[in-house]
Amino acid sequence: ALGAGFGIGTSGSALAAATAEKPEIFSRAVITLILAEALAIYALVTALLLVLQAR
């Protein structure tokens, strides 16, 4: 989840700067943010499966 947080922070800050200059690229640029969020969700699901399997 640490890598996902780093990806979200990095791409979020770049997205804000790029959107300030060219607002029309927002819809394409937000995809990187969505992919980083998906990575965090996959990590959460994997962690829950491992914890529940250990019981």
C-alpha atoms as a PDB file:
ATOM      1  CA  ALA A   1       0.000   0.000   0.000  1.00  0.00           C
ATOM      2  CA  LEU A   2       3.004   2.250   0.438  1.00  0.00           C
ATOM      3  CA  GLY A   3       3.806   2.097  -3.278  1.00  0.00           C
ATOM      4  CA  ALA A   4       0.197   2.862  -4.142  1.00  0.00           C
ATOM      5  CA  GLY A   5       0.249   5.895  -1.874  1.00  0.00           C
ATOM      6  CA  PHE A   6       3.441   7.120  -3.507  1.00  0.00           C
ATOM      7  CA  GLY A   7       1.922   6.615  -6.963  1.00  0.00           C
ATOM      8  CA  ILE A   8      -1.247   8.456  -6.004  1.00  0.00           C
ATOM      9  CA  GLY A   9       0.720  11.371  -4.570  1.00  0.00           C
ATOM     10  CA  THR A  10       3.092  11.650  -7.507  1.00  0.00           C
ATOM     11  CA  SER A  11       0.495  11.310 -10.236  1.00  0.00           C
ATOM     12  CA  GLY A  12      -1.991  13.494  -8.359  1.00  0.00           C
ATOM     13  CA  SER A  13       0.448  16.355  -8.092  1.00  0.00           C
ATOM     14  CA  ALA A  14       1.465  16.021 -11.750  1.00  0.00           C
ATOM     15  CA  LEU A  15      -2.205  15.817 -12.739  1.00  0.00           C
ATOM     16  CA  ALA A  16      -2.990  19.046 -10.904  1.00  0.00           C
ATOM     17  CA  ALA A  17      -0.094  20.870 -12.566  1.00  0.00           C
ATOM     18  CA  ALA A  18      -0.895  19.555 -16.049  1.00  0.00           C
ATOM     19  CA  THR A  19      -4.603  20.296 -15.725  1.00  0.00           C
ATOM     20  CA  ALA A  20      -3.822  23.875 -14.706  1.00  0.00           C
ATOM     21  CA  GLU A  21      -1.996  24.368 -18.006  1.00  0.00           C
ATOM     22  CA  LYS A  22      -4.239  22.279 -20.310  1.00  0.00           C
ATOM     23  CA  PRO A  23      -7.660  21.468 -18.806  1.00  0.00           C
ATOM     24  CA  GLU A  24      -8.661  19.329 -21.800  1.00  0.00           C
ATOM     25  CA  ILE A  25      -6.202  16.539 -20.843  1.00  0.00           C
ATOM     26  CA  PHE A  26      -7.840  15.860 -17.483  1.00  0.00           C
ATOM     27  CA  SER A  27      -9.925  12.890 -18.603  1.00  0.00           C
ATOM     28  CA  ARG A  28      -6.931  11.093 -20.126  1.00  0.00           C
ATOM     29  CA  ALA A  29      -4.521  11.954 -17.320  1.00  0.00           C
ATOM     30  CA  VAL A  30      -6.804  10.785 -14.522  1.00  0.00           C
ATOM     31  CA  ILE A  31      -6.366   7.190 -15.741  1.00  0.00           C
ATOM     32  CA  THR A  32      -2.948   6.987 -14.035  1.00  0.00           C
ATOM     33  CA  LEU A  33      -4.566   8.046 -10.793  1.00  0.00           C
ATOM     34  CA  ILE A  34      -7.239   5.374 -11.173  1.00  0.00           C
ATOM     35  CA  LEU A  35      -4.606   2.691 -11.809  1.00  0.00           C
ATOM     36  CA  ALA A  36      -2.727   3.654  -8.647  1.00  0.00           C
ATOM     37  CA  GLU A  37      -5.992   3.496  -6.675  1.00  0.00           C
ATOM     38  CA  ALA A  38      -6.690   0.038  -8.103  1.00  0.00           C
ATOM     39  CA  LEU A  39      -3.283  -1.115  -6.895  1.00  0.00           C
ATOM     40  CA  ALA A  40      -4.195  -0.096  -3.345  1.00  0.00           C
ATOM     41  CA  ILE A  41      -7.514  -1.947  -3.565  1.00  0.00           C
ATOM     42  CA  TYR A  42      -5.778  -5.116  -4.824  1.00  0.00           C
ATOM     43  CA  ALA A  43      -3.306  -4.880  -1.938  1.00  0.00           C
ATOM     44  CA  LEU A  44      -6.160  -4.560   0.558  1.00  0.00           C
ATOM     45  CA  VAL A  45      -8.004  -7.563  -0.870  1.00  0.00           C
ATOM     46  CA  THR A  46      -4.817  -9.645  -0.871  1.00  0.00           C
ATOM     47  CA  ALA A  47      -4.058  -8.699   2.727  1.00  0.00           C
ATOM     48  CA  LEU A  48      -7.577  -9.602   3.832  1.00  0.00           C
ATOM     49  CA  LEU A  49      -7.391 -12.959   2.066  1.00  0.00           C
ATOM     50  CA  LEU A  50      -4.060 -13.746   3.711  1.00  0.00           C
ATOM     51  CA  VAL A  51      -5.328 -12.797   7.168  1.00  0.00           C
ATOM     52  CA  LEU A  52      -8.511 -14.812   6.806  1.00  0.00           C
ATOM     53  CA  GLN A  53      -6.617 -17.812   5.446  1.00  0.00           C
ATOM     54  CA  ALA A  54      -4.196 -17.756   8.400  1.00  0.00           C
ATOM     55  CA  ARG A  55      -7.018 -18.334  10.880  1.00  0.00           C
END
